[in-house]
Amino acid sequence: MGGRTLRANLMEPLIDVNSIHYRQDAVENLIDDEKLMFQIQTILLHFTDVERIILACIQENPSRTVTAAEKRITMINQLRRILDILPTLQQALEQSTCELLKNLCS
């Protein structure tokens, strides 16, 4: 998870100084509050490839096979699990003293 985002950030790094400082504050907050960092890390382990799941759920598939239906059901169940854990992630992020992490909740 996050491979595409990491690649995008490496290929097009931030140039806005304020954005850089917000990210630095977020990293510092997570380093200073290890309990919060591990809590968020544990929650994020439940997030599989969200983009792939959403695409699979919304793409029209002309195939009407049992296998295609099973795959779609699996993707919908994975999406449901992700949606179920979002409130837990929100609660963890709201504990942060960092504005960037708190703003992820809104």
PDB file of N, CA and C in Angstrom:
ATOM      1  N   MET A   1       0.830  -1.178   0.000  1.00  0.00           N
ATOM      2  CA  MET A   1       0.000   0.000   0.000  1.00  0.00           C
ATOM      3  C   MET A   1       0.872   1.237   0.000  1.00  0.00           C
ATOM      4  N   GLY A   2       0.512   2.218  -0.799  1.00  0.00           N
ATOM      5  CA  GLY A   2       1.215   3.479  -0.789  1.00  0.00           C
ATOM      6  C   GLY A   2       2.338   3.576  -1.797  1.00  0.00           C
ATOM      7  N   GLY A   3       2.580   2.525  -2.539  1.00  0.00           N
ATOM      8  CA  GLY A   3       3.667   2.534  -3.515  1.00  0.00           C
ATOM      9  C   GLY A   3       3.493   3.600  -4.576  1.00  0.00           C
ATOM     10  N   ARG A   4       2.280   3.738  -5.077  1.00  0.00           N
ATOM     11  CA  ARG A   4       2.024   4.758  -6.105  1.00  0.00           C
ATOM     12  C   ARG A   4       2.177   6.163  -5.534  1.00  0.00           C
ATOM     13  N   THR A   5       1.711   6.351  -4.295  1.00  0.00           N
ATOM     14  CA  THR A   5       1.831   7.666  -3.661  1.00  0.00           C
ATOM     15  C   THR A   5       3.295   8.003  -3.409  1.00  0.00           C
ATOM     16  N   LEU A   6       4.045   7.041  -2.931  1.00  0.00           N
ATOM     17  CA  LEU A   6       5.473   7.264  -2.703  1.00  0.00           C
ATOM     18  C   LEU A   6       6.167   7.627  -4.001  1.00  0.00           C
ATOM     19  N   ARG A   7       5.884   6.887  -5.050  1.00  0.00           N
ATOM     20  CA  ARG A   7       6.489   7.178  -6.355  1.00  0.00           C
ATOM     21  C   ARG A   7       6.120   8.586  -6.820  1.00  0.00           C
ATOM     22  N   ALA A   8       4.854   8.952  -6.688  1.00  0.00           N
ATOM     23  CA  ALA A   8       4.410  10.287  -7.104  1.00  0.00           C
ATOM     24  C   ALA A   8       5.121  11.371  -6.299  1.00  0.00           C
ATOM     25  N   ASN A   9       5.284  11.149  -4.998  1.00  0.00           N
ATOM     26  CA  ASN A   9       5.961  12.140  -4.162  1.00  0.00           C
ATOM     27  C   ASN A   9       7.445  12.252  -4.490  1.00  0.00           C
ATOM     28  N   LEU A  10       8.053  11.149  -4.895  1.00  0.00           N
ATOM     29  CA  LEU A  10       9.465  11.193  -5.273  1.00  0.00           C
ATOM     30  C   LEU A  10       9.657  11.856  -6.636  1.00  0.00           C
ATOM     31  N   MET A  11       8.717  11.607  -7.543  1.00  0.00           N
ATOM     32  CA  MET A  11       8.821  12.173  -8.888  1.00  0.00           C
ATOM     33  C   MET A  11       8.442  13.657  -8.916  1.00  0.00           C
ATOM     34  N   GLU A  12       7.529  14.057  -8.041  1.00  0.00           N
ATOM     35  CA  GLU A  12       7.094  15.452  -7.972  1.00  0.00           C
ATOM     36  C   GLU A  12       7.081  15.896  -6.513  1.00  0.00           C
ATOM     37  N   PRO A  13       8.263  16.174  -5.955  1.00  0.00           N
ATOM     38  CA  PRO A  13       8.324  16.542  -4.535  1.00  0.00           C
ATOM     39  C   PRO A  13       7.652  17.898  -4.280  1.00  0.00           C
ATOM     40  N   LEU A  14       7.271  18.085  -3.030  1.00  0.00           N
ATOM     41  CA  LEU A  14       6.660  19.354  -2.649  1.00  0.00           C
ATOM     42  C   LEU A  14       7.652  20.493  -2.842  1.00  0.00           C
ATOM     43  N   ILE A  15       7.131  21.640  -3.253  1.00  0.00           N
ATOM     44  CA  ILE A  15       7.975  22.832  -3.362  1.00  0.00           C
ATOM     45  C   ILE A  15       7.442  23.953  -2.477  1.00  0.00           C
ATOM     46  N   ASP A  16       6.213  23.789  -1.986  1.00  0.00           N
ATOM     47  CA  ASP A  16       5.616  24.781  -1.106  1.00  0.00           C
ATOM     48  C   ASP A  16       6.177  24.593   0.307  1.00  0.00           C
ATOM     49  N   VAL A  17       6.824  25.628   0.823  1.00  0.00           N
ATOM     50  CA  VAL A  17       7.500  25.539   2.118  1.00  0.00           C
ATOM     51  C   VAL A  17       6.514  25.219   3.241  1.00  0.00           C
ATOM     52  N   ASN A  18       5.331  25.816   3.209  1.00  0.00           N
ATOM     53  CA  ASN A  18       4.343  25.542   4.262  1.00  0.00           C
ATOM     54  C   ASN A  18       3.917  24.074   4.257  1.00  0.00           C
ATOM     55  N   SER A  19       3.711  23.515   3.075  1.00  0.00           N
ATOM     56  CA  SER A  19       3.333  22.100   2.977  1.00  0.00           C
ATOM     57  C   SER A  19       4.441  21.201   3.510  1.00  0.00           C
ATOM     58  N   ILE A  20       5.666  21.558   3.209  1.00  0.00           N
ATOM     59  CA  ILE A  20       6.810  20.790   3.712  1.00  0.00           C
ATOM     60  C   ILE A  20       6.841  20.840   5.239  1.00  0.00           C
ATOM     61  N   HIS A  21       6.613  22.020   5.805  1.00  0.00           N
ATOM     62  CA  HIS A  21       6.627  22.169   7.268  1.00  0.00           C
ATOM     63  C   HIS A  21       5.486  21.378   7.917  1.00  0.00           C
ATOM     64  N   TYR A  22       4.302  21.386   7.286  1.00  0.00           N
ATOM     65  CA  TYR A  22       3.185  20.593   7.808  1.00  0.00           C
ATOM     66  C   TYR A  22       3.549  19.111   7.849  1.00  0.00           C
ATOM     67  N   ARG A  23       4.185  18.631   6.795  1.00  0.00           N
ATOM     68  CA  ARG A  23       4.580  17.214   6.771  1.00  0.00           C
ATOM     69  C   ARG A  23       5.657  16.924   7.811  1.00  0.00           C
ATOM     70  N   GLN A  24       6.600  17.849   7.953  1.00  0.00           N
ATOM     71  CA  GLN A  24       7.638  17.666   8.961  1.00  0.00           C
ATOM     72  C   GLN A  24       7.030  17.617  10.363  1.00  0.00           C
ATOM     73  N   ASP A  25       6.049  18.475  10.619  1.00  0.00           N
ATOM     74  CA  ASP A  25       5.364  18.472  11.913  1.00  0.00           C
ATOM     75  C   ASP A  25       4.657  17.137  12.150  1.00  0.00           C
ATOM     76  N   ALA A  26       4.039  16.600  11.093  1.00  0.00           N
ATOM     77  CA  ALA A  26       3.343  15.318  11.218  1.00  0.00           C
ATOM     78  C   ALA A  26       4.329  14.201  11.554  1.00  0.00           C
ATOM     79  N   VAL A  27       5.451  14.177  10.864  1.00  0.00           N
ATOM     80  CA  VAL A  27       6.474  13.154  11.126  1.00  0.00           C
ATOM     81  C   VAL A  27       7.008  13.308  12.546  1.00  0.00           C
ATOM     82  N   GLU A  28       7.281  14.544  12.952  1.00  0.00           N
ATOM     83  CA  GLU A  28       7.786  14.796  14.304  1.00  0.00           C
ATOM     84  C   GLU A  28       6.770  14.340  15.357  1.00  0.00           C
ATOM     85  N   ASN A  29       5.501  14.632  15.114  1.00  0.00           N
ATOM     86  CA  ASN A  29       4.452  14.219  16.047  1.00  0.00           C
ATOM     87  C   ASN A  29       4.407  12.701  16.185  1.00  0.00           C
ATOM     88  N   LEU A  30       4.521  11.991  15.077  1.00  0.00           N
ATOM     89  CA  LEU A  30       4.481  10.529  15.122  1.00  0.00           C
ATOM     90  C   LEU A  30       5.732   9.944  15.780  1.00  0.00           C
ATOM     91  N   ILE A  31       6.867  10.599  15.590  1.00  0.00           N
ATOM     92  CA  ILE A  31       8.097  10.136  16.242  1.00  0.00           C
ATOM     93  C   ILE A  31       8.009  10.358  17.746  1.00  0.00           C
ATOM     94  N   ASP A  32       7.468  11.516  18.141  1.00  0.00           N
ATOM     95  CA  ASP A  32       7.351  11.846  19.565  1.00  0.00           C
ATOM     96  C   ASP A  32       6.296  11.006  20.277  1.00  0.00           C
ATOM     97  N   ASP A  33       5.267  10.606  19.570  1.00  0.00           N
ATOM     98  CA  ASP A  33       4.174   9.833  20.168  1.00  0.00           C
ATOM     99  C   ASP A  33       4.153   8.440  19.538  1.00  0.00           C
ATOM    100  N   GLU A  34       5.048   7.582  20.035  1.00  0.00           N
ATOM    101  CA  GLU A  34       5.180   6.239  19.461  1.00  0.00           C
ATOM    102  C   GLU A  34       3.896   5.432  19.585  1.00  0.00           C
ATOM    103  N   LYS A  35       3.178   5.625  20.680  1.00  0.00           N
ATOM    104  CA  LYS A  35       1.924   4.890  20.869  1.00  0.00           C
ATOM    105  C   LYS A  35       0.953   5.220  19.737  1.00  0.00           C
ATOM    106  N   LEU A  36       0.821   6.497  19.420  1.00  0.00           N
ATOM    107  CA  LEU A  36      -0.055   6.921  18.330  1.00  0.00           C
ATOM    108  C   LEU A  36       0.443   6.371  16.994  1.00  0.00           C
ATOM    109  N   MET A  37       1.758   6.441  16.780  1.00  0.00           N
ATOM    110  CA  MET A  37       2.322   5.952  15.524  1.00  0.00           C
ATOM    111  C   MET A  37       2.008   4.463  15.331  1.00  0.00           C
ATOM    112  N   PHE A  38       2.217   3.662  16.367  1.00  0.00           N
ATOM    113  CA  PHE A  38       1.957   2.228  16.240  1.00  0.00           C
ATOM    114  C   PHE A  38       0.466   1.937  16.123  1.00  0.00           C
ATOM    115  N   GLN A  39      -0.357   2.750  16.782  1.00  0.00           N
ATOM    116  CA  GLN A  39      -1.802   2.581  16.665  1.00  0.00           C
ATOM    117  C   GLN A  39      -2.247   2.826  15.220  1.00  0.00           C
ATOM    118  N   ILE A  40      -1.774   3.921  14.630  1.00  0.00           N
ATOM    119  CA  ILE A  40      -2.123   4.238  13.241  1.00  0.00           C
ATOM    120  C   ILE A  40      -1.555   3.181  12.299  1.00  0.00           C
ATOM    121  N   GLN A  41      -0.326   2.762  12.548  1.00  0.00           N
ATOM    122  CA  GLN A  41       0.304   1.744  11.706  1.00  0.00           C
ATOM    123  C   GLN A  41      -0.500   0.443  11.727  1.00  0.00           C
ATOM    124  N   THR A  42      -0.953   0.038  12.891  1.00  0.00           N
ATOM    125  CA  THR A  42      -1.749  -1.185  13.018  1.00  0.00           C
ATOM    126  C   THR A  42      -3.065  -1.068  12.259  1.00  0.00           C
ATOM    127  N   ILE A  43      -3.698   0.090  12.361  1.00  0.00           N
ATOM    128  CA  ILE A  43      -4.959   0.306  11.650  1.00  0.00           C
ATOM    129  C   ILE A  43      -4.729   0.267  10.142  1.00  0.00           C
ATOM    130  N   LEU A  44      -3.668   0.914   9.683  1.00  0.00           N
ATOM    131  CA  LEU A  44      -3.404   0.983   8.242  1.00  0.00           C
ATOM    132  C   LEU A  44      -3.068  -0.378   7.638  1.00  0.00           C
ATOM    133  N   LEU A  45      -2.635  -1.318   8.453  1.00  0.00           N
ATOM    134  CA  LEU A  45      -2.371  -2.667   7.940  1.00  0.00           C
ATOM    135  C   LEU A  45      -3.638  -3.322   7.396  1.00  0.00           C
ATOM    136  N   HIS A  46      -4.794  -2.871   7.873  1.00  0.00           N
ATOM    137  CA  HIS A  46      -6.068  -3.420   7.407  1.00  0.00           C
ATOM    138  C   HIS A  46      -6.491  -2.831   6.063  1.00  0.00           C
ATOM    139  N   PHE A  47      -5.812  -1.787   5.636  1.00  0.00           N
ATOM    140  CA  PHE A  47      -6.147  -1.153   4.367  1.00  0.00           C
ATOM    141  C   PHE A  47      -5.343  -1.829   3.266  1.00  0.00           C
ATOM    142  N   THR A  48      -6.037  -2.543   2.412  1.00  0.00           N
ATOM    143  CA  THR A  48      -5.357  -3.147   1.274  1.00  0.00           C
ATOM    144  C   THR A  48      -5.332  -2.109   0.160  1.00  0.00           C
ATOM    145  N   ASP A  49      -5.086  -2.498  -1.028  1.00  0.00           N
ATOM    146  CA  ASP A  49      -4.984  -1.577  -2.161  1.00  0.00           C
ATOM    147  C   ASP A  49      -6.351  -0.953  -2.448  1.00  0.00           C
ATOM    148  N   VAL A  50      -6.617   0.171  -1.794  1.00  0.00           N
ATOM    149  CA  VAL A  50      -7.932   0.812  -1.860  1.00  0.00           C
ATOM    150  C   VAL A  50      -8.286   1.211  -3.289  1.00  0.00           C
ATOM    151  N   GLU A  51      -7.338   1.786  -4.001  1.00  0.00           N
ATOM    152  CA  GLU A  51      -7.620   2.202  -5.384  1.00  0.00           C
ATOM    153  C   GLU A  51      -8.058   1.015  -6.241  1.00  0.00           C
ATOM    154  N   ARG A  52      -7.360  -0.084  -6.117  1.00  0.00           N
ATOM    155  CA  ARG A  52      -7.684  -1.280  -6.900  1.00  0.00           C
ATOM    156  C   ARG A  52      -9.070  -1.801  -6.540  1.00  0.00           C
ATOM    157  N   ILE A  53      -9.387  -1.789  -5.261  1.00  0.00           N
ATOM    158  CA  ILE A  53     -10.693  -2.274  -4.811  1.00  0.00           C
ATOM    159  C   ILE A  53     -11.811  -1.392  -5.348  1.00  0.00           C
ATOM    160  N   ILE A  54     -11.647  -0.087  -5.242  1.00  0.00           N
ATOM    161  CA  ILE A  54     -12.686   0.832  -5.729  1.00  0.00           C
ATOM    162  C   ILE A  54     -12.869   0.675  -7.231  1.00  0.00           C
ATOM    163  N   LEU A  55     -11.764   0.601  -7.961  1.00  0.00           N
ATOM    164  CA  LEU A  55     -11.871   0.413  -9.412  1.00  0.00           C
ATOM    165  C   LEU A  55     -12.589  -0.884  -9.756  1.00  0.00           C
ATOM    166  N   ALA A  56     -12.267  -1.937  -9.049  1.00  0.00           N
ATOM    167  CA  ALA A  56     -12.910  -3.228  -9.327  1.00  0.00           C
ATOM    168  C   ALA A  56     -14.404  -3.179  -9.022  1.00  0.00           C
ATOM    169  N   CYS A  57     -14.785  -2.391  -8.026  1.00  0.00           N
ATOM    170  CA  CYS A  57     -16.204  -2.296  -7.661  1.00  0.00           C
ATOM    171  C   CYS A  57     -17.005  -1.473  -8.661  1.00  0.00           C
ATOM    172  N   ILE A  58     -16.377  -0.475  -9.274  1.00  0.00           N
ATOM    173  CA  ILE A  58     -17.142   0.414 -10.153  1.00  0.00           C
ATOM    174  C   ILE A  58     -17.011   0.085 -11.634  1.00  0.00           C
ATOM    175  N   GLN A  59     -16.001  -0.686 -11.991  1.00  0.00           N
ATOM    176  CA  GLN A  59     -15.823  -1.026 -13.401  1.00  0.00           C
ATOM    177  C   GLN A  59     -16.911  -1.981 -13.864  1.00  0.00           C
ATOM    178  N   GLU A  60     -17.380  -1.721 -15.052  1.00  0.00           N
ATOM    179  CA  GLU A  60     -18.332  -2.644 -15.659  1.00  0.00           C
ATOM    180  C   GLU A  60     -17.559  -3.818 -16.223  1.00  0.00           C
ATOM    181  N   ASN A  61     -18.002  -4.993 -15.875  1.00  0.00           N
ATOM    182  CA  ASN A  61     -17.344  -6.192 -16.358  1.00  0.00           C
ATOM    183  C   ASN A  61     -18.360  -6.974 -17.195  1.00  0.00           C
ATOM    184  N   PRO A  62     -18.112  -7.069 -18.489  1.00  0.00           N
ATOM    185  CA  PRO A  62     -19.072  -7.774 -19.341  1.00  0.00           C
ATOM    186  C   PRO A  62     -19.129  -9.272 -19.059  1.00  0.00           C
ATOM    187  N   SER A  63     -18.124  -9.767 -18.360  1.00  0.00           N
ATOM    188  CA  SER A  63     -18.085 -11.194 -18.052  1.00  0.00           C
ATOM    189  C   SER A  63     -19.151 -11.527 -17.010  1.00  0.00           C
ATOM    190  N   ARG A  64     -19.954 -12.507 -17.298  1.00  0.00           N
ATOM    191  CA  ARG A  64     -21.042 -12.921 -16.400  1.00  0.00           C
ATOM    192  C   ARG A  64     -20.751 -14.293 -15.796  1.00  0.00           C
ATOM    193  N   THR A  65     -19.488 -14.582 -15.615  1.00  0.00           N
ATOM    194  CA  THR A  65     -19.117 -15.895 -15.084  1.00  0.00           C
ATOM    195  C   THR A  65     -19.199 -15.898 -13.559  1.00  0.00           C
ATOM    196  N   VAL A  66     -19.242 -17.084 -13.013  1.00  0.00           N
ATOM    197  CA  VAL A  66     -19.261 -17.243 -11.560  1.00  0.00           C
ATOM    198  C   VAL A  66     -17.971 -16.690 -10.959  1.00  0.00           C
ATOM    199  N   THR A  67     -16.857 -16.938 -11.618  1.00  0.00           N
ATOM    200  CA  THR A  67     -15.569 -16.451 -11.134  1.00  0.00           C
ATOM    201  C   THR A  67     -15.549 -14.932 -11.063  1.00  0.00           C
ATOM    202  N   ALA A  68     -16.065 -14.269 -12.093  1.00  0.00           N
ATOM    203  CA  ALA A  68     -16.107 -12.806 -12.103  1.00  0.00           C
ATOM    204  C   ALA A  68     -17.003 -12.288 -10.982  1.00  0.00           C
ATOM    205  N   ALA A  69     -18.124 -12.948 -10.755  1.00  0.00           N
ATOM    206  CA  ALA A  69     -19.040 -12.544  -9.681  1.00  0.00           C
ATOM    207  C   ALA A  69     -18.390 -12.731  -8.311  1.00  0.00           C
ATOM    208  N   GLU A  70     -17.690 -13.841  -8.130  1.00  0.00           N
ATOM    209  CA  GLU A  70     -17.008 -14.091  -6.860  1.00  0.00           C
ATOM    210  C   GLU A  70     -15.931 -13.046  -6.607  1.00  0.00           C
ATOM    211  N   LYS A  71     -15.201 -12.688  -7.652  1.00  0.00           N
ATOM    212  CA  LYS A  71     -14.153 -11.674  -7.517  1.00  0.00           C
ATOM    213  C   LYS A  71     -14.765 -10.331  -7.113  1.00  0.00           C
ATOM    214  N   ARG A  72     -15.873  -9.985  -7.732  1.00  0.00           N
ATOM    215  CA  ARG A  72     -16.540  -8.718  -7.422  1.00  0.00           C
ATOM    216  C   ARG A  72     -17.061  -8.719  -5.978  1.00  0.00           C
ATOM    217  N   ILE A  73     -17.623  -9.827  -5.544  1.00  0.00           N
ATOM    218  CA  ILE A  73     -18.109  -9.944  -4.165  1.00  0.00           C
ATOM    219  C   ILE A  73     -16.952  -9.809  -3.179  1.00  0.00           C
ATOM    220  N   THR A  74     -15.825 -10.424  -3.490  1.00  0.00           N
ATOM    221  CA  THR A  74     -14.641 -10.314  -2.641  1.00  0.00           C
ATOM    222  C   THR A  74     -14.196  -8.867  -2.522  1.00  0.00           C
ATOM    223  N   MET A  75     -14.163  -8.160  -3.644  1.00  0.00           N
ATOM    224  CA  MET A  75     -13.757  -6.752  -3.628  1.00  0.00           C
ATOM    225  C   MET A  75     -14.727  -5.899  -2.812  1.00  0.00           C
ATOM    226  N   ILE A  76     -16.013  -6.157  -2.943  1.00  0.00           N
ATOM    227  CA  ILE A  76     -17.013  -5.407  -2.182  1.00  0.00           C
ATOM    228  C   ILE A  76     -16.853  -5.683  -0.685  1.00  0.00           C
ATOM    229  N   ASN A  77     -16.572  -6.919  -0.321  1.00  0.00           N
ATOM    230  CA  ASN A  77     -16.334  -7.250   1.091  1.00  0.00           C
ATOM    231  C   ASN A  77     -15.084  -6.563   1.623  1.00  0.00           C
ATOM    232  N   GLN A  78     -14.037  -6.492   0.808  1.00  0.00           N
ATOM    233  CA  GLN A  78     -12.823  -5.789   1.226  1.00  0.00           C
ATOM    234  C   GLN A  78     -13.110  -4.303   1.423  1.00  0.00           C
ATOM    235  N   LEU A  79     -13.895  -3.726   0.536  1.00  0.00           N
ATOM    236  CA  LEU A  79     -14.266  -2.318   0.661  1.00  0.00           C
ATOM    237  C   LEU A  79     -15.087  -2.103   1.936  1.00  0.00           C
ATOM    238  N   ARG A  80     -15.993  -3.012   2.228  1.00  0.00           N
ATOM    239  CA  ARG A  80     -16.802  -2.908   3.452  1.00  0.00           C
ATOM    240  C   ARG A  80     -15.916  -2.944   4.697  1.00  0.00           C
ATOM    241  N   ARG A  81     -14.918  -3.824   4.715  1.00  0.00           N
ATOM    242  CA  ARG A  81     -13.996  -3.899   5.853  1.00  0.00           C
ATOM    243  C   ARG A  81     -13.225  -2.598   6.028  1.00  0.00           C
ATOM    244  N   ILE A  82     -12.804  -2.013   4.922  1.00  0.00           N
ATOM    245  CA  ILE A  82     -12.091  -0.735   4.986  1.00  0.00           C
ATOM    246  C   ILE A  82     -13.006   0.345   5.546  1.00  0.00           C
ATOM    247  N   LEU A  83     -14.230   0.403   5.057  1.00  0.00           N
ATOM    248  CA  LEU A  83     -15.180   1.407   5.540  1.00  0.00           C
ATOM    249  C   LEU A  83     -15.499   1.200   7.019  1.00  0.00           C
ATOM    250  N   ASP A  84     -15.544  -0.043   7.464  1.00  0.00           N
ATOM    251  CA  ASP A  84     -15.818  -0.335   8.874  1.00  0.00           C
ATOM    252  C   ASP A  84     -14.707   0.160   9.793  1.00  0.00           C
ATOM    253  N   ILE A  85     -13.473   0.162   9.306  1.00  0.00           N
ATOM    254  CA  ILE A  85     -12.347   0.544  10.164  1.00  0.00           C
ATOM    255  C   ILE A  85     -12.040   2.050  10.105  1.00  0.00           C
ATOM    256  N   LEU A  86     -12.652   2.763   9.179  1.00  0.00           N
ATOM    257  CA  LEU A  86     -12.404   4.204   9.070  1.00  0.00           C
ATOM    258  C   LEU A  86     -12.671   4.975  10.364  1.00  0.00           C
ATOM    259  N   PRO A  87     -13.751   4.710  11.103  1.00  0.00           N
ATOM    260  CA  PRO A  87     -13.951   5.449  12.358  1.00  0.00           C
ATOM    261  C   PRO A  87     -12.816   5.244  13.364  1.00  0.00           C
ATOM    262  N   THR A  88     -12.246   4.054  13.390  1.00  0.00           N
ATOM    263  CA  THR A  88     -11.115   3.783  14.279  1.00  0.00           C
ATOM    264  C   THR A  88      -9.908   4.613  13.875  1.00  0.00           C
ATOM    265  N   LEU A  89      -9.660   4.709  12.578  1.00  0.00           N
ATOM    266  CA  LEU A  89      -8.562   5.541  12.087  1.00  0.00           C
ATOM    267  C   LEU A  89      -8.824   7.005  12.422  1.00  0.00           C
ATOM    268  N   GLN A  90     -10.045   7.441  12.242  1.00  0.00           N
ATOM    269  CA  GLN A  90     -10.396   8.829  12.547  1.00  0.00           C
ATOM    270  C   GLN A  90     -10.142   9.140  14.021  1.00  0.00           C
ATOM    271  N   GLN A  91     -10.541   8.252  14.907  1.00  0.00           N
ATOM    272  CA  GLN A  91     -10.315   8.463  16.339  1.00  0.00           C
ATOM    273  C   GLN A  91      -8.828   8.561  16.654  1.00  0.00           C
ATOM    274  N   ALA A  92      -8.033   7.728  16.025  1.00  0.00           N
ATOM    275  CA  ALA A  92      -6.589   7.755  16.258  1.00  0.00           C
ATOM    276  C   ALA A  92      -5.990   9.067  15.765  1.00  0.00           C
ATOM    277  N   LEU A  93      -6.375   9.497  14.574  1.00  0.00           N
ATOM    278  CA  LEU A  93      -5.827  10.735  14.015  1.00  0.00           C
ATOM    279  C   LEU A  93      -6.246  11.953  14.832  1.00  0.00           C
ATOM    280  N   GLU A  94      -7.444  11.926  15.389  1.00  0.00           N
ATOM    281  CA  GLU A  94      -7.916  13.051  16.198  1.00  0.00           C
ATOM    282  C   GLU A  94      -7.133  13.194  17.494  1.00  0.00           C
ATOM    283  N   GLN A  95      -6.439  12.152  17.937  1.00  0.00           N
ATOM    284  CA  GLN A  95      -5.606  12.214  19.143  1.00  0.00           C
ATOM    285  C   GLN A  95      -4.317  12.989  18.902  1.00  0.00           C
ATOM    286  N   SER A  96      -3.968  13.187  17.663  1.00  0.00           N
ATOM    287  CA  SER A  96      -2.715  13.838  17.307  1.00  0.00           C
ATOM    288  C   SER A  96      -2.737  15.308  17.706  1.00  0.00           C
ATOM    289  N   THR A  97      -1.561  15.836  17.977  1.00  0.00           N
ATOM    290  CA  THR A  97      -1.434  17.274  18.234  1.00  0.00           C
ATOM    291  C   THR A  97      -1.078  18.020  16.955  1.00  0.00           C
ATOM    292  N   CYS A  98      -0.933  17.291  15.874  1.00  0.00           N
ATOM    293  CA  CYS A  98      -0.523  17.863  14.589  1.00  0.00           C
ATOM    294  C   CYS A  98      -1.753  18.210  13.747  1.00  0.00           C
ATOM    295  N   GLU A  99      -1.773  19.427  13.228  1.00  0.00           N
ATOM    296  CA  GLU A  99      -2.911  19.888  12.427  1.00  0.00           C
ATOM    297  C   GLU A  99      -3.098  19.060  11.158  1.00  0.00           C
ATOM    298  N   LEU A 100      -2.020  18.699  10.497  1.00  0.00           N
ATOM    299  CA  LEU A 100      -2.132  17.932   9.254  1.00  0.00           C
ATOM    300  C   LEU A 100      -2.828  16.593   9.498  1.00  0.00           C
ATOM    301  N   LEU A 101      -2.430  15.898  10.540  1.00  0.00           N
ATOM    302  CA  LEU A 101      -3.050  14.606  10.844  1.00  0.00           C
ATOM    303  C   LEU A 101      -4.508  14.775  11.257  1.00  0.00           C
ATOM    304  N   LYS A 102      -4.803  15.809  12.029  1.00  0.00           N
ATOM    305  CA  LYS A 102      -6.196  16.073  12.420  1.00  0.00           C
ATOM    306  C   LYS A 102      -7.043  16.425  11.201  1.00  0.00           C
ATOM    307  N   ASN A 103      -6.465  17.184  10.271  1.00  0.00           N
ATOM    308  CA  ASN A 103      -7.205  17.604   9.078  1.00  0.00           C
ATOM    309  C   ASN A 103      -7.527  16.437   8.148  1.00  0.00           C
ATOM    310  N   LEU A 104      -6.809  15.345   8.263  1.00  0.00           N
ATOM    311  CA  LEU A 104      -7.117  14.167   7.450  1.00  0.00           C
ATOM    312  C   LEU A 104      -8.495  13.614   7.786  1.00  0.00           C
ATOM    313  N   CYS A 105      -8.986  13.927   8.967  1.00  0.00           N
ATOM    314  CA  CYS A 105     -10.301  13.434   9.407  1.00  0.00           C
ATOM    315  C   CYS A 105     -11.449  14.215   8.795  1.00  0.00           C
ATOM    316  N   SER A 106     -11.174  15.411   8.334  1.00  0.00           N
ATOM    317  CA  SER A 106     -12.288  16.229   7.823  1.00  0.00           C
ATOM    318  C   SER A 106     -12.383  16.201   6.317  1.00  0.00           C
TER     319      SER A 106
END
